[in-house]
């Protein structure tokens, strides 16, 4: 029988049964060890647009989470389509070399939040106030919120052999991820820090990266299962390289927002998850324009 400690609870602060609290004492917000982690993460995010908390999950819980994710992966929705870095339609009026006209094959799978039960480690981490506090402090935010979206916010990304996520941006300013299973080969995370800003899409620089003409700008990150990654993917072009071998790459994605009530865009939800809800339809009707003016 499950106990309350084994279920996701947005009021439960104690993550000591899941997280290596010797290295990351989340239950002691003023602990010098945790403050040092936060200061280092802030510096890395400012400099690189990315921070990694190595060995965040306890080793025994990592094995459990890997098993849970392997089981969930069977529910994944797979979709293959040609996309550009912005998930926008082709515009023949633009020059052929414009990155908005450079399309790449994207094949990946997602298990949505409504399929991830409250006893899963992913859910227990995602809703925890201690986790939200850590993410907010590392990002310099007063507070972060779970998505209101019934599908997104918390998802499992499944990349089997031969699949990849080509160059793209995130719709949210930041994302938090944890790889739970590494592939036999390939599947590396590559990114170009701050290649665009709210004032400049930098189409020339983005195009050079997408076409493979500029190989020096992209950085490769060596992620290990159990590492917690914080990444500013709204401004940094990034991709996951093609996975090789029979072992799929499994990654938990914890998406938080700077304001409550966030629901994903209708078309992107349909593309990624293969379905939409009434909430997505209504939210699209009520949606205001993005304030930063960037393409999605």
C-alpha atoms as a PDB file:
ATOM      1  CA  UNK A   1       0.000   0.000   0.000  1.00  0.00           C
ATOM      2  CA  UNK A   2       1.292   3.452  -0.907  1.00  0.00           C
ATOM      3  CA  UNK A   3       1.920   5.983   1.848  1.00  0.00           C
ATOM      4  CA  UNK A   4       1.645   9.749   1.599  1.00  0.00           C
ATOM      5  CA  UNK A   5       5.460   9.933   1.437  1.00  0.00           C
ATOM      6  CA  UNK A   6       5.360   7.935  -1.805  1.00  0.00           C
ATOM      7  CA  UNK A   7       2.922  10.228  -3.589  1.00  0.00           C
ATOM      8  CA  UNK A   8       3.500  13.569  -5.283  1.00  0.00           C
ATOM      9  CA  UNK A   9       2.455  16.319  -2.887  1.00  0.00           C
ATOM     10  CA  UNK A  10       2.843  20.046  -3.564  1.00  0.00           C
ATOM     11  CA  UNK A  11       3.090  20.688   0.182  1.00  0.00           C
ATOM     12  CA  UNK A  12       5.845  18.169   0.931  1.00  0.00           C
ATOM     13  CA  UNK A  13       9.290  19.751   1.247  1.00  0.00           C
ATOM     14  CA  UNK A  14      11.330  16.704   2.266  1.00  0.00           C
ATOM     15  CA  UNK A  15      13.164  15.142  -0.683  1.00  0.00           C
ATOM     16  CA  UNK A  16      15.815  13.346   1.356  1.00  0.00           C
ATOM     17  CA  UNK A  17      14.549   9.948   0.200  1.00  0.00           C
ATOM     18  CA  UNK A  18      15.159  10.929  -3.445  1.00  0.00           C
ATOM     19  CA  UNK A  19      17.910  13.556  -3.630  1.00  0.00           C
ATOM     20  CA  UNK A  20      21.528  13.389  -2.436  1.00  0.00           C
ATOM     21  CA  UNK A  21      20.932  15.886   0.364  1.00  0.00           C
ATOM     22  CA  UNK A  22      24.541  15.683   1.538  1.00  0.00           C
ATOM     23  CA  UNK A  23      25.539  17.491  -1.648  1.00  0.00           C
ATOM     24  CA  UNK A  24      22.240  19.321  -2.094  1.00  0.00           C
ATOM     25  CA  UNK A  25      20.640  20.005   1.336  1.00  0.00           C
ATOM     26  CA  UNK A  26      17.296  21.193  -0.010  1.00  0.00           C
ATOM     27  CA  UNK A  27      15.704  20.882   3.413  1.00  0.00           C
ATOM     28  CA  UNK A  28      18.130  23.506   4.783  1.00  0.00           C
ATOM     29  CA  UNK A  29      17.732  26.590   2.561  1.00  0.00           C
ATOM     30  CA  UNK A  30      20.404  28.599   4.410  1.00  0.00           C
ATOM     31  CA  UNK A  31      22.993  25.825   4.482  1.00  0.00           C
ATOM     32  CA  UNK A  32      26.357  27.129   3.108  1.00  0.00           C
ATOM     33  CA  UNK A  33      26.675  24.017   0.932  1.00  0.00           C
ATOM     34  CA  UNK A  34      23.365  24.738  -0.804  1.00  0.00           C
ATOM     35  CA  UNK A  35      24.128  28.445  -1.095  1.00  0.00           C
ATOM     36  CA  UNK A  36      27.414  27.598  -2.823  1.00  0.00           C
ATOM     37  CA  UNK A  37      25.551  25.347  -5.287  1.00  0.00           C
ATOM     38  CA  UNK A  38      23.099  28.151  -6.053  1.00  0.00           C
ATOM     39  CA  UNK A  39      25.820  30.764  -6.516  1.00  0.00           C
ATOM     40  CA  UNK A  40      27.784  28.471  -8.823  1.00  0.00           C
ATOM     41  CA  UNK A  41      24.645  27.652 -10.831  1.00  0.00           C
ATOM     42  CA  UNK A  42      23.773  31.322 -11.227  1.00  0.00           C
ATOM     43  CA  UNK A  43      27.277  32.074 -12.475  1.00  0.00           C
ATOM     44  CA  UNK A  44      27.147  29.172 -14.945  1.00  0.00           C
ATOM     45  CA  UNK A  45      23.717  30.252 -16.222  1.00  0.00           C
ATOM     46  CA  UNK A  46      24.875  33.843 -16.683  1.00  0.00           C
ATOM     47  CA  UNK A  47      28.042  32.786 -18.470  1.00  0.00           C
ATOM     48  CA  UNK A  48      26.935  29.665 -20.366  1.00  0.00           C
ATOM     49  CA  UNK A  49      23.137  29.673 -20.266  1.00  0.00           C
ATOM     50  CA  UNK A  50      23.394  26.260 -18.626  1.00  0.00           C
ATOM     51  CA  UNK A  51      24.119  24.754 -15.207  1.00  0.00           C
ATOM     52  CA  UNK A  52      24.461  21.102 -14.181  1.00  0.00           C
ATOM     53  CA  UNK A  53      24.024  19.683 -10.679  1.00  0.00           C
ATOM     54  CA  UNK A  54      25.980  16.453 -10.894  1.00  0.00           C
ATOM     55  CA  UNK A  55      24.661  13.379  -9.099  1.00  0.00           C
ATOM     56  CA  UNK A  56      21.507  15.159  -7.943  1.00  0.00           C
ATOM     57  CA  UNK A  57      19.481  11.979  -7.524  1.00  0.00           C
ATOM     58  CA  UNK A  58      20.472   9.335  -4.978  1.00  0.00           C
ATOM     59  CA  UNK A  59      22.064   6.326  -6.666  1.00  0.00           C
ATOM     60  CA  UNK A  60      19.446   3.851  -5.433  1.00  0.00           C
ATOM     61  CA  UNK A  61      16.617   6.143  -6.552  1.00  0.00           C
ATOM     62  CA  UNK A  62      18.238   6.596  -9.948  1.00  0.00           C
ATOM     63  CA  UNK A  63      17.933   2.860 -10.545  1.00  0.00           C
ATOM     64  CA  UNK A  64      14.265   3.017  -9.537  1.00  0.00           C
ATOM     65  CA  UNK A  65      13.582   6.050 -11.708  1.00  0.00           C
ATOM     66  CA  UNK A  66      15.260   4.367 -14.681  1.00  0.00           C
ATOM     67  CA  UNK A  67      12.965   1.373 -14.280  1.00  0.00           C
ATOM     68  CA  UNK A  68       9.918   3.639 -14.010  1.00  0.00           C
ATOM     69  CA  UNK A  69      10.925   5.531 -17.144  1.00  0.00           C
ATOM     70  CA  UNK A  70      11.560   2.329 -19.095  1.00  0.00           C
ATOM     71  CA  UNK A  71       8.029   1.218 -18.225  1.00  0.00           C
ATOM     72  CA  UNK A  72       6.540   4.603 -19.154  1.00  0.00           C
ATOM     73  CA  UNK A  73       8.425   4.673 -22.456  1.00  0.00           C
ATOM     74  CA  UNK A  74       6.029   2.062 -23.843  1.00  0.00           C
ATOM     75  CA  UNK A  75       3.302   4.749 -23.756  1.00  0.00           C
ATOM     76  CA  UNK A  76       5.307   7.233 -25.814  1.00  0.00           C
ATOM     77  CA  UNK A  77       3.746   9.077 -28.750  1.00  0.00           C
ATOM     78  CA  UNK A  78       6.204   9.169 -31.655  1.00  0.00           C
ATOM     79  CA  UNK A  79       6.078  11.722 -34.399  1.00  0.00           C
ATOM     80  CA  UNK A  80       8.311  12.323 -37.418  1.00  0.00           C
ATOM     81  CA  UNK A  81       8.102  15.601 -39.286  1.00  0.00           C
ATOM     82  CA  UNK A  82      10.192  18.210 -41.044  1.00  0.00           C
ATOM     83  CA  UNK A  83      10.713  21.272 -38.845  1.00  0.00           C
ATOM     84  CA  UNK A  84      12.818  24.388 -38.770  1.00  0.00           C
ATOM     85  CA  UNK A  85      14.385  25.743 -35.581  1.00  0.00           C
ATOM     86  CA  UNK A  86      11.271  27.839 -34.898  1.00  0.00           C
ATOM     87  CA  UNK A  87       8.516  25.258 -35.595  1.00  0.00           C
ATOM     88  CA  UNK A  88       7.068  27.635 -38.200  1.00  0.00           C
ATOM     89  CA  UNK A  89       5.787  26.977 -41.720  1.00  0.00           C
ATOM     90  CA  UNK A  90       7.917  27.555 -44.800  1.00  0.00           C
ATOM     91  CA  UNK A  91       7.875  31.067 -46.263  1.00  0.00           C
ATOM     92  CA  UNK A  92       8.881  31.038 -49.970  1.00  0.00           C
ATOM     93  CA  UNK A  93       9.227  34.831 -49.847  1.00  0.00           C
ATOM     94  CA  UNK A  94      12.401  34.458 -47.754  1.00  0.00           C
ATOM     95  CA  UNK A  95      15.848  33.681 -49.202  1.00  0.00           C
ATOM     96  CA  UNK A  96      16.671  29.979 -49.415  1.00  0.00           C
ATOM     97  CA  UNK A  97      19.570  30.348 -46.948  1.00  0.00           C
ATOM     98  CA  UNK A  98      17.354  31.903 -44.267  1.00  0.00           C
ATOM     99  CA  UNK A  99      17.146  29.513 -41.251  1.00  0.00           C
ATOM    100  CA  UNK A 100      13.363  29.813 -41.326  1.00  0.00           C
ATOM    101  CA  UNK A 101      13.572  27.873 -44.601  1.00  0.00           C
ATOM    102  CA  UNK A 102      16.019  25.241 -43.373  1.00  0.00           C
ATOM    103  CA  UNK A 103      14.045  22.151 -42.421  1.00  0.00           C
ATOM    104  CA  UNK A 104      15.354  19.136 -40.517  1.00  0.00           C
ATOM    105  CA  UNK A 105      13.845  15.736 -39.702  1.00  0.00           C
ATOM    106  CA  UNK A 106      12.655  15.505 -36.112  1.00  0.00           C
ATOM    107  CA  UNK A 107      11.683  12.129 -34.709  1.00  0.00           C
ATOM    108  CA  UNK A 108      11.142  11.786 -31.003  1.00  0.00           C
ATOM    109  CA  UNK A 109       8.709  10.425 -28.480  1.00  0.00           C
ATOM    110  CA  UNK A 110       6.976  11.926 -25.463  1.00  0.00           C
ATOM    111  CA  UNK A 111       5.034  10.530 -22.535  1.00  0.00           C
ATOM    112  CA  UNK A 112       2.755  13.269 -21.225  1.00  0.00           C
ATOM    113  CA  UNK A 113       2.086  14.267 -17.634  1.00  0.00           C
ATOM    114  CA  UNK A 114      -1.413  12.796 -17.537  1.00  0.00           C
ATOM    115  CA  UNK A 115       0.174   9.350 -17.998  1.00  0.00           C
ATOM    116  CA  UNK A 116       2.707   9.777 -15.180  1.00  0.00           C
ATOM    117  CA  UNK A 117       1.094   8.720 -11.909  1.00  0.00           C
ATOM    118  CA  UNK A 118       1.591  10.426  -8.532  1.00  0.00           C
ATOM    119  CA  UNK A 119       3.817   7.656  -7.158  1.00  0.00           C
ATOM    120  CA  UNK A 120       6.475   8.105  -9.858  1.00  0.00           C
ATOM    121  CA  UNK A 121       9.702   9.794  -8.787  1.00  0.00           C
ATOM    122  CA  UNK A 122       9.322  12.262 -11.659  1.00  0.00           C
ATOM    123  CA  UNK A 123       6.033  13.554 -10.258  1.00  0.00           C
ATOM    124  CA  UNK A 124       7.300  13.635  -6.684  1.00  0.00           C
ATOM    125  CA  UNK A 125      10.249  15.790  -7.733  1.00  0.00           C
ATOM    126  CA  UNK A 126       8.259  18.062 -10.037  1.00  0.00           C
ATOM    127  CA  UNK A 127       5.610  19.180  -7.540  1.00  0.00           C
ATOM    128  CA  UNK A 128       7.875  19.490  -4.510  1.00  0.00           C
ATOM    129  CA  UNK A 129       8.225  23.009  -3.038  1.00  0.00           C
ATOM    130  CA  UNK A 130      11.886  22.219  -2.325  1.00  0.00           C
ATOM    131  CA  UNK A 131      12.508  21.507  -6.023  1.00  0.00           C
ATOM    132  CA  UNK A 132      10.685  24.662  -7.112  1.00  0.00           C
ATOM    133  CA  UNK A 133      12.618  26.725  -4.576  1.00  0.00           C
ATOM    134  CA  UNK A 134      15.938  25.358  -5.827  1.00  0.00           C
ATOM    135  CA  UNK A 135      15.092  26.084  -9.454  1.00  0.00           C
ATOM    136  CA  UNK A 136      13.851  29.592  -8.639  1.00  0.00           C
ATOM    137  CA  UNK A 137      16.934  30.473  -6.602  1.00  0.00           C
ATOM    138  CA  UNK A 138      19.329  29.164  -9.258  1.00  0.00           C
ATOM    139  CA  UNK A 139      17.526  31.211 -11.904  1.00  0.00           C
ATOM    140  CA  UNK A 140      17.246  34.317  -9.742  1.00  0.00           C
ATOM    141  CA  UNK A 141      13.449  34.179  -9.786  1.00  0.00           C
ATOM    142  CA  UNK A 142      11.227  35.011  -6.827  1.00  0.00           C
ATOM    143  CA  UNK A 143       9.101  31.945  -7.549  1.00  0.00           C
ATOM    144  CA  UNK A 144       8.433  29.376 -10.268  1.00  0.00           C
ATOM    145  CA  UNK A 145       5.189  27.524 -10.970  1.00  0.00           C
ATOM    146  CA  UNK A 146       4.080  24.205 -12.396  1.00  0.00           C
ATOM    147  CA  UNK A 147       2.408  24.344 -15.784  1.00  0.00           C
ATOM    148  CA  UNK A 148      -1.386  24.313 -15.811  1.00  0.00           C
ATOM    149  CA  UNK A 149      -1.112  22.330 -19.053  1.00  0.00           C
ATOM    150  CA  UNK A 150      -2.494  18.794 -18.541  1.00  0.00           C
ATOM    151  CA  UNK A 151       0.054  17.278 -20.954  1.00  0.00           C
ATOM    152  CA  UNK A 152       3.201  19.402 -20.711  1.00  0.00           C
ATOM    153  CA  UNK A 153       5.129  20.703 -17.725  1.00  0.00           C
ATOM    154  CA  UNK A 154       6.296  17.221 -16.807  1.00  0.00           C
ATOM    155  CA  UNK A 155       7.071  14.862 -19.692  1.00  0.00           C
ATOM    156  CA  UNK A 156       9.353  11.954 -20.459  1.00  0.00           C
ATOM    157  CA  UNK A 157      11.322  12.346 -23.679  1.00  0.00           C
ATOM    158  CA  UNK A 158      12.090   9.035 -25.400  1.00  0.00           C
ATOM    159  CA  UNK A 159      14.719   8.861 -28.142  1.00  0.00           C
ATOM    160  CA  UNK A 160      15.236   5.333 -29.511  1.00  0.00           C
ATOM    161  CA  UNK A 161      17.886   4.310 -32.006  1.00  0.00           C
ATOM    162  CA  UNK A 162      18.075   6.535 -35.089  1.00  0.00           C
ATOM    163  CA  UNK A 163      16.084   9.423 -33.613  1.00  0.00           C
ATOM    164  CA  UNK A 164      17.227  12.929 -32.756  1.00  0.00           C
ATOM    165  CA  UNK A 165      16.043  16.403 -31.852  1.00  0.00           C
ATOM    166  CA  UNK A 166      17.453  18.810 -34.430  1.00  0.00           C
ATOM    167  CA  UNK A 167      18.347  22.431 -33.774  1.00  0.00           C
ATOM    168  CA  UNK A 168      15.527  24.314 -32.057  1.00  0.00           C
ATOM    169  CA  UNK A 169      14.558  26.759 -29.303  1.00  0.00           C
ATOM    170  CA  UNK A 170      12.279  26.231 -26.320  1.00  0.00           C
ATOM    171  CA  UNK A 171       9.081  28.223 -25.921  1.00  0.00           C
ATOM    172  CA  UNK A 172       9.836  28.711 -22.228  1.00  0.00           C
ATOM    173  CA  UNK A 173      12.778  30.868 -21.145  1.00  0.00           C
ATOM    174  CA  UNK A 174      14.245  28.016 -19.099  1.00  0.00           C
ATOM    175  CA  UNK A 175      13.893  24.261 -18.776  1.00  0.00           C
ATOM    176  CA  UNK A 176      14.999  21.680 -16.199  1.00  0.00           C
ATOM    177  CA  UNK A 177      15.892  18.149 -17.280  1.00  0.00           C
ATOM    178  CA  UNK A 178      17.336  14.907 -15.949  1.00  0.00           C
ATOM    179  CA  UNK A 179      18.542  12.114 -18.198  1.00  0.00           C
ATOM    180  CA  UNK A 180      17.635   8.802 -16.572  1.00  0.00           C
ATOM    181  CA  UNK A 181      19.109   6.481 -19.195  1.00  0.00           C
ATOM    182  CA  UNK A 182      21.981   7.137 -21.584  1.00  0.00           C
ATOM    183  CA  UNK A 183      22.151   5.501 -25.026  1.00  0.00           C
ATOM    184  CA  UNK A 184      25.005   3.234 -26.054  1.00  0.00           C
ATOM    185  CA  UNK A 185      26.343   5.971 -28.338  1.00  0.00           C
ATOM    186  CA  UNK A 186      25.298   9.351 -29.721  1.00  0.00           C
ATOM    187  CA  UNK A 187      22.544  11.391 -28.104  1.00  0.00           C
ATOM    188  CA  UNK A 188      24.869  14.195 -26.986  1.00  0.00           C
ATOM    189  CA  UNK A 189      23.398  17.545 -25.969  1.00  0.00           C
ATOM    190  CA  UNK A 190      24.779  20.452 -28.009  1.00  0.00           C
ATOM    191  CA  UNK A 191      23.938  24.146 -27.665  1.00  0.00           C
ATOM    192  CA  UNK A 192      24.895  27.653 -28.762  1.00  0.00           C
ATOM    193  CA  UNK A 193      24.664  29.985 -25.727  1.00  0.00           C
ATOM    194  CA  UNK A 194      22.665  33.172 -26.274  1.00  0.00           C
ATOM    195  CA  UNK A 195      22.839  32.994 -30.051  1.00  0.00           C
ATOM    196  CA  UNK A 196      19.753  35.246 -30.176  1.00  0.00           C
ATOM    197  CA  UNK A 197      18.320  37.980 -27.954  1.00  0.00           C
ATOM    198  CA  UNK A 198      14.873  39.593 -27.664  1.00  0.00           C
ATOM    199  CA  UNK A 199      16.257  42.368 -29.882  1.00  0.00           C
ATOM    200  CA  UNK A 200      18.020  40.257 -32.501  1.00  0.00           C
ATOM    201  CA  UNK A 201      17.104  36.858 -33.989  1.00  0.00           C
ATOM    202  CA  UNK A 202      20.602  36.679 -35.547  1.00  0.00           C
ATOM    203  CA  UNK A 203      19.366  34.758 -38.574  1.00  0.00           C
ATOM    204  CA  UNK A 204      22.819  34.783 -40.205  1.00  0.00           C
ATOM    205  CA  UNK A 205      24.497  33.172 -37.190  1.00  0.00           C
ATOM    206  CA  UNK A 206      21.691  30.655 -36.678  1.00  0.00           C
ATOM    207  CA  UNK A 207      21.740  29.705 -40.356  1.00  0.00           C
ATOM    208  CA  UNK A 208      25.493  29.062 -40.255  1.00  0.00           C
ATOM    209  CA  UNK A 209      25.065  26.657 -37.328  1.00  0.00           C
ATOM    210  CA  UNK A 210      22.082  24.826 -38.819  1.00  0.00           C
ATOM    211  CA  UNK A 211      23.838  24.395 -42.169  1.00  0.00           C
ATOM    212  CA  UNK A 212      26.962  23.071 -40.417  1.00  0.00           C
ATOM    213  CA  UNK A 213      29.130  25.959 -41.600  1.00  0.00           C
ATOM    214  CA  UNK A 214      29.892  27.125 -38.054  1.00  0.00           C
ATOM    215  CA  UNK A 215      30.998  24.174 -35.919  1.00  0.00           C
ATOM    216  CA  UNK A 216      32.909  26.227 -33.364  1.00  0.00           C
ATOM    217  CA  UNK A 217      29.980  27.986 -31.738  1.00  0.00           C
ATOM    218  CA  UNK A 218      28.197  24.850 -30.528  1.00  0.00           C
ATOM    219  CA  UNK A 219      29.209  23.356 -27.189  1.00  0.00           C
ATOM    220  CA  UNK A 220      28.749  19.724 -26.223  1.00  0.00           C
ATOM    221  CA  UNK A 221      27.651  18.835 -22.705  1.00  0.00           C
ATOM    222  CA  UNK A 222      28.560  15.509 -21.123  1.00  0.00           C
ATOM    223  CA  UNK A 223      25.419  14.643 -19.154  1.00  0.00           C
ATOM    224  CA  UNK A 224      25.176  11.553 -16.962  1.00  0.00           C
ATOM    225  CA  UNK A 225      22.009   9.853 -15.644  1.00  0.00           C
ATOM    226  CA  UNK A 226      20.948  11.498 -12.390  1.00  0.00           C
ATOM    227  CA  UNK A 227      22.426  14.922 -13.225  1.00  0.00           C
ATOM    228  CA  UNK A 228      19.993  17.834 -12.988  1.00  0.00           C
ATOM    229  CA  UNK A 229      20.363  20.325 -15.843  1.00  0.00           C
ATOM    230  CA  UNK A 230      19.041  23.887 -15.843  1.00  0.00           C
ATOM    231  CA  UNK A 231      19.062  25.434 -19.287  1.00  0.00           C
ATOM    232  CA  UNK A 232      17.971  28.734 -20.835  1.00  0.00           C
ATOM    233  CA  UNK A 233      16.655  27.276 -24.067  1.00  0.00           C
ATOM    234  CA  UNK A 234      14.652  30.308 -25.199  1.00  0.00           C
ATOM    235  CA  UNK A 235      17.780  32.116 -26.365  1.00  0.00           C
ATOM    236  CA  UNK A 236      20.230  29.247 -26.943  1.00  0.00           C
ATOM    237  CA  UNK A 237      19.845  27.137 -30.065  1.00  0.00           C
ATOM    238  CA  UNK A 238      20.234  23.468 -29.088  1.00  0.00           C
ATOM    239  CA  UNK A 239      19.822  19.896 -30.222  1.00  0.00           C
ATOM    240  CA  UNK A 240      20.190  16.258 -29.184  1.00  0.00           C
ATOM    241  CA  UNK A 241      22.338  14.371 -31.682  1.00  0.00           C
ATOM    242  CA  UNK A 242      21.205  11.126 -33.298  1.00  0.00           C
ATOM    243  CA  UNK A 243      20.957   8.191 -30.882  1.00  0.00           C
ATOM    244  CA  UNK A 244      22.898   5.050 -31.730  1.00  0.00           C
ATOM    245  CA  UNK A 245      22.436   1.544 -30.334  1.00  0.00           C
ATOM    246  CA  UNK A 246      19.433  -0.335 -29.012  1.00  0.00           C
ATOM    247  CA  UNK A 247      19.250   1.463 -25.647  1.00  0.00           C
ATOM    248  CA  UNK A 248      16.962   4.534 -25.893  1.00  0.00           C
ATOM    249  CA  UNK A 249      17.882   7.895 -24.397  1.00  0.00           C
ATOM    250  CA  UNK A 250      15.346   8.687 -21.657  1.00  0.00           C
ATOM    251  CA  UNK A 251      15.047  12.176 -20.183  1.00  0.00           C
ATOM    252  CA  UNK A 252      12.632  13.630 -17.646  1.00  0.00           C
ATOM    253  CA  UNK A 253      11.683  17.224 -18.498  1.00  0.00           C
ATOM    254  CA  UNK A 254      10.536  19.473 -15.661  1.00  0.00           C
ATOM    255  CA  UNK A 255       9.095  22.662 -17.144  1.00  0.00           C
ATOM    256  CA  UNK A 256       8.305  25.525 -14.791  1.00  0.00           C
ATOM    257  CA  UNK A 257       7.115  29.023 -15.603  1.00  0.00           C
ATOM    258  CA  UNK A 258       7.559  32.492 -14.134  1.00  0.00           C
ATOM    259  CA  UNK A 259       3.805  32.907 -13.784  1.00  0.00           C
ATOM    260  CA  UNK A 260       0.964  30.475 -12.984  1.00  0.00           C
ATOM    261  CA  UNK A 261      -1.556  29.122 -15.472  1.00  0.00           C
ATOM    262  CA  UNK A 262       0.721  28.425 -18.455  1.00  0.00           C
ATOM    263  CA  UNK A 263      -0.783  26.249 -21.203  1.00  0.00           C
ATOM    264  CA  UNK A 264       1.121  25.203 -24.325  1.00  0.00           C
ATOM    265  CA  UNK A 265       0.361  26.466 -27.805  1.00  0.00           C
ATOM    266  CA  UNK A 266      -2.253  24.485 -29.688  1.00  0.00           C
ATOM    267  CA  UNK A 267      -0.293  23.573 -32.826  1.00  0.00           C
ATOM    268  CA  UNK A 268       2.930  22.737 -31.014  1.00  0.00           C
ATOM    269  CA  UNK A 269       1.002  20.571 -28.541  1.00  0.00           C
ATOM    270  CA  UNK A 270      -0.600  18.712 -31.448  1.00  0.00           C
ATOM    271  CA  UNK A 271       2.798  18.206 -33.094  1.00  0.00           C
ATOM    272  CA  UNK A 272       4.604  17.002 -29.991  1.00  0.00           C
ATOM    273  CA  UNK A 273       1.941  14.935 -28.241  1.00  0.00           C
ATOM    274  CA  UNK A 274      -0.462  13.958 -31.026  1.00  0.00           C
ATOM    275  CA  UNK A 275      -3.541  15.405 -29.323  1.00  0.00           C
ATOM    276  CA  UNK A 276      -4.940  18.489 -27.630  1.00  0.00           C
ATOM    277  CA  UNK A 277      -7.416  19.104 -24.827  1.00  0.00           C
ATOM    278  CA  UNK A 278     -10.297  21.516 -24.439  1.00  0.00           C
ATOM    279  CA  UNK A 279      -8.002  23.620 -22.258  1.00  0.00           C
ATOM    280  CA  UNK A 280      -5.525  24.016 -25.153  1.00  0.00           C
ATOM    281  CA  UNK A 281      -8.299  25.087 -27.523  1.00  0.00           C
ATOM    282  CA  UNK A 282      -9.644  27.661 -25.085  1.00  0.00           C
ATOM    283  CA  UNK A 283      -6.179  28.957 -24.183  1.00  0.00           C
ATOM    284  CA  UNK A 284      -5.343  29.489 -27.855  1.00  0.00           C
ATOM    285  CA  UNK A 285      -8.464  31.592 -28.308  1.00  0.00           C
ATOM    286  CA  UNK A 286      -7.504  33.730 -25.316  1.00  0.00           C
ATOM    287  CA  UNK A 287      -3.754  33.885 -25.961  1.00  0.00           C
ATOM    288  CA  UNK A 288      -1.931  37.208 -26.133  1.00  0.00           C
ATOM    289  CA  UNK A 289       1.135  37.814 -28.289  1.00  0.00           C
ATOM    290  CA  UNK A 290       4.554  36.942 -26.865  1.00  0.00           C
ATOM    291  CA  UNK A 291       6.081  39.968 -25.183  1.00  0.00           C
ATOM    292  CA  UNK A 292       9.645  39.221 -26.289  1.00  0.00           C
ATOM    293  CA  UNK A 293       8.727  39.266 -29.976  1.00  0.00           C
ATOM    294  CA  UNK A 294      10.771  36.146 -30.788  1.00  0.00           C
ATOM    295  CA  UNK A 295       9.634  33.366 -33.063  1.00  0.00           C
ATOM    296  CA  UNK A 296       8.635  30.103 -31.375  1.00  0.00           C
END
